[in-house]
Amino acid sequence: MAEEIWKGEFDWGYANVPGGAMTITLHPQVIGRGHRMLMLERVIRHFAGHEGVVFDTLGNVARAWKSENPWPQ
């Protein structure tokens, strides 16, 4: 179920929010099982299959946004 939700959220954002960012919280006690790791791999492949998609830290995303949207002087 999470796989379909994440793919659906991504697909909507990709189509409707150019330059947007998507975050996924992965708790180690939940995601660290074999079948869930395979699901995460499928989700990552889905995301990566779209032109212009990059994987980065939220810190880097925030810094890039801040540099592109400076406070008015």
C-alpha atoms as a PDB file:
ATOM      1  CA  MET A   1       0.000   0.000   0.000  1.00  0.00           C
ATOM      2  CA  ALA A   2       2.769   2.492   0.825  1.00  0.00           C
ATOM      3  CA  GLU A   3       4.311   1.802  -2.576  1.00  0.00           C
ATOM      4  CA  GLU A   4       1.173   2.852  -4.444  1.00  0.00           C
ATOM      5  CA  ILE A   5       0.676   5.906  -2.217  1.00  0.00           C
ATOM      6  CA  TRP A   6       4.282   7.110  -2.667  1.00  0.00           C
ATOM      7  CA  LYS A   7       4.184   6.538  -6.428  1.00  0.00           C
ATOM      8  CA  GLY A   8       0.844   8.321  -6.695  1.00  0.00           C
ATOM      9  CA  GLU A   9       2.042  11.297  -4.643  1.00  0.00           C
ATOM     10  CA  PHE A  10       5.206  11.479  -6.711  1.00  0.00           C
ATOM     11  CA  ASP A  11       3.348  11.266 -10.025  1.00  0.00           C
ATOM     12  CA  TRP A  12       0.981  14.064  -9.010  1.00  0.00           C
ATOM     13  CA  GLY A  13       3.837  16.269  -7.788  1.00  0.00           C
ATOM     14  CA  TYR A  14       5.932  15.614 -10.878  1.00  0.00           C
ATOM     15  CA  ALA A  15       3.029  16.658 -13.110  1.00  0.00           C
ATOM     16  CA  ASN A  16       1.852  19.622 -11.028  1.00  0.00           C
ATOM     17  CA  VAL A  17       4.739  21.041  -8.980  1.00  0.00           C
ATOM     18  CA  PRO A  18       7.781  21.710 -11.168  1.00  0.00           C
ATOM     19  CA  GLY A  19      10.934  21.787  -9.062  1.00  0.00           C
ATOM     20  CA  GLY A  20       9.115  20.367  -6.061  1.00  0.00           C
ATOM     21  CA  ALA A  21      10.591  18.096  -3.408  1.00  0.00           C
ATOM     22  CA  MET A  22       9.198  14.875  -2.008  1.00  0.00           C
ATOM     23  CA  THR A  23      10.147  13.525   1.379  1.00  0.00           C
ATOM     24  CA  ILE A  24       9.644  10.031   2.710  1.00  0.00           C
ATOM     25  CA  THR A  25      10.253   9.097   6.337  1.00  0.00           C
ATOM     26  CA  LEU A  26      11.706   5.615   6.762  1.00  0.00           C
ATOM     27  CA  HIS A  27      11.937   4.287  10.291  1.00  0.00           C
ATOM     28  CA  PRO A  28      14.643   1.599  10.507  1.00  0.00           C
ATOM     29  CA  GLN A  29      12.495  -0.714  12.632  1.00  0.00           C
ATOM     30  CA  VAL A  30       9.866  -0.702   9.869  1.00  0.00           C
ATOM     31  CA  ILE A  31      11.737  -0.478   6.545  1.00  0.00           C
ATOM     32  CA  GLY A  32      14.597  -2.799   7.469  1.00  0.00           C
ATOM     33  CA  ARG A  33      12.914  -6.004   6.319  1.00  0.00           C
ATOM     34  CA  GLY A  34      13.707  -7.731   3.044  1.00  0.00           C
ATOM     35  CA  HIS A  35      10.347  -7.381   1.309  1.00  0.00           C
ATOM     36  CA  ARG A  36      10.077  -3.738   2.357  1.00  0.00           C
ATOM     37  CA  MET A  37      13.557  -2.992   1.048  1.00  0.00           C
ATOM     38  CA  LEU A  38      12.477  -4.479  -2.301  1.00  0.00           C
ATOM     39  CA  MET A  39       9.409  -2.225  -2.263  1.00  0.00           C
ATOM     40  CA  LEU A  40      11.610   0.807  -1.568  1.00  0.00           C
ATOM     41  CA  GLU A  41      13.864  -0.188  -4.463  1.00  0.00           C
ATOM     42  CA  ARG A  42      10.847  -0.273  -6.799  1.00  0.00           C
ATOM     43  CA  VAL A  43       9.756   3.175  -5.594  1.00  0.00           C
ATOM     44  CA  ILE A  44      13.244   4.612  -6.123  1.00  0.00           C
ATOM     45  CA  ARG A  45      13.391   3.122  -9.633  1.00  0.00           C
ATOM     46  CA  HIS A  46       9.998   4.667 -10.396  1.00  0.00           C
ATOM     47  CA  PHE A  47      11.207   8.097  -9.258  1.00  0.00           C
ATOM     48  CA  ALA A  48      14.532   7.768 -11.075  1.00  0.00           C
ATOM     49  CA  GLY A  49      12.757   6.864 -14.299  1.00  0.00           C
ATOM     50  CA  HIS A  50      11.542  10.457 -14.662  1.00  0.00           C
ATOM     51  CA  GLU A  51      13.632  13.106 -16.383  1.00  0.00           C
ATOM     52  CA  GLY A  52      15.165  15.726 -14.094  1.00  0.00           C
ATOM     53  CA  VAL A  53      14.675  13.837 -10.840  1.00  0.00           C
ATOM     54  CA  VAL A  54      17.587  14.047  -8.394  1.00  0.00           C
ATOM     55  CA  PHE A  55      18.063  12.502  -4.960  1.00  0.00           C
ATOM     56  CA  ASP A  56      19.490  14.823  -2.318  1.00  0.00           C
ATOM     57  CA  THR A  57      19.373  15.664   1.362  1.00  0.00           C
ATOM     58  CA  LEU A  58      16.750  18.053   2.711  1.00  0.00           C
ATOM     59  CA  GLY A  59      19.575  20.326   3.850  1.00  0.00           C
ATOM     60  CA  ASN A  60      20.838  20.656   0.285  1.00  0.00           C
ATOM     61  CA  VAL A  61      17.313  21.160  -1.052  1.00  0.00           C
ATOM     62  CA  ALA A  62      16.713  23.921   1.521  1.00  0.00           C
ATOM     63  CA  ARG A  63      20.022  25.651   0.711  1.00  0.00           C
ATOM     64  CA  ALA A  64      19.286  25.554  -3.027  1.00  0.00           C
ATOM     65  CA  TRP A  65      15.790  26.952  -2.472  1.00  0.00           C
ATOM     66  CA  LYS A  66      17.139  29.667  -0.200  1.00  0.00           C
ATOM     67  CA  SER A  67      19.768  30.731  -2.745  1.00  0.00           C
ATOM     68  CA  GLU A  68      17.127  30.866  -5.496  1.00  0.00           C
ATOM     69  CA  ASN A  69      14.638  32.781  -3.323  1.00  0.00           C
ATOM     70  CA  PRO A  70      16.592  35.391  -1.328  1.00  0.00           C
ATOM     71  CA  TRP A  71      14.912  37.627   1.213  1.00  0.00           C
ATOM     72  CA  PRO A  72      14.107  41.084  -0.181  1.00  0.00           C
ATOM     73  CA  GLN A  73      16.612  43.718   0.931  1.00  0.00           C
END
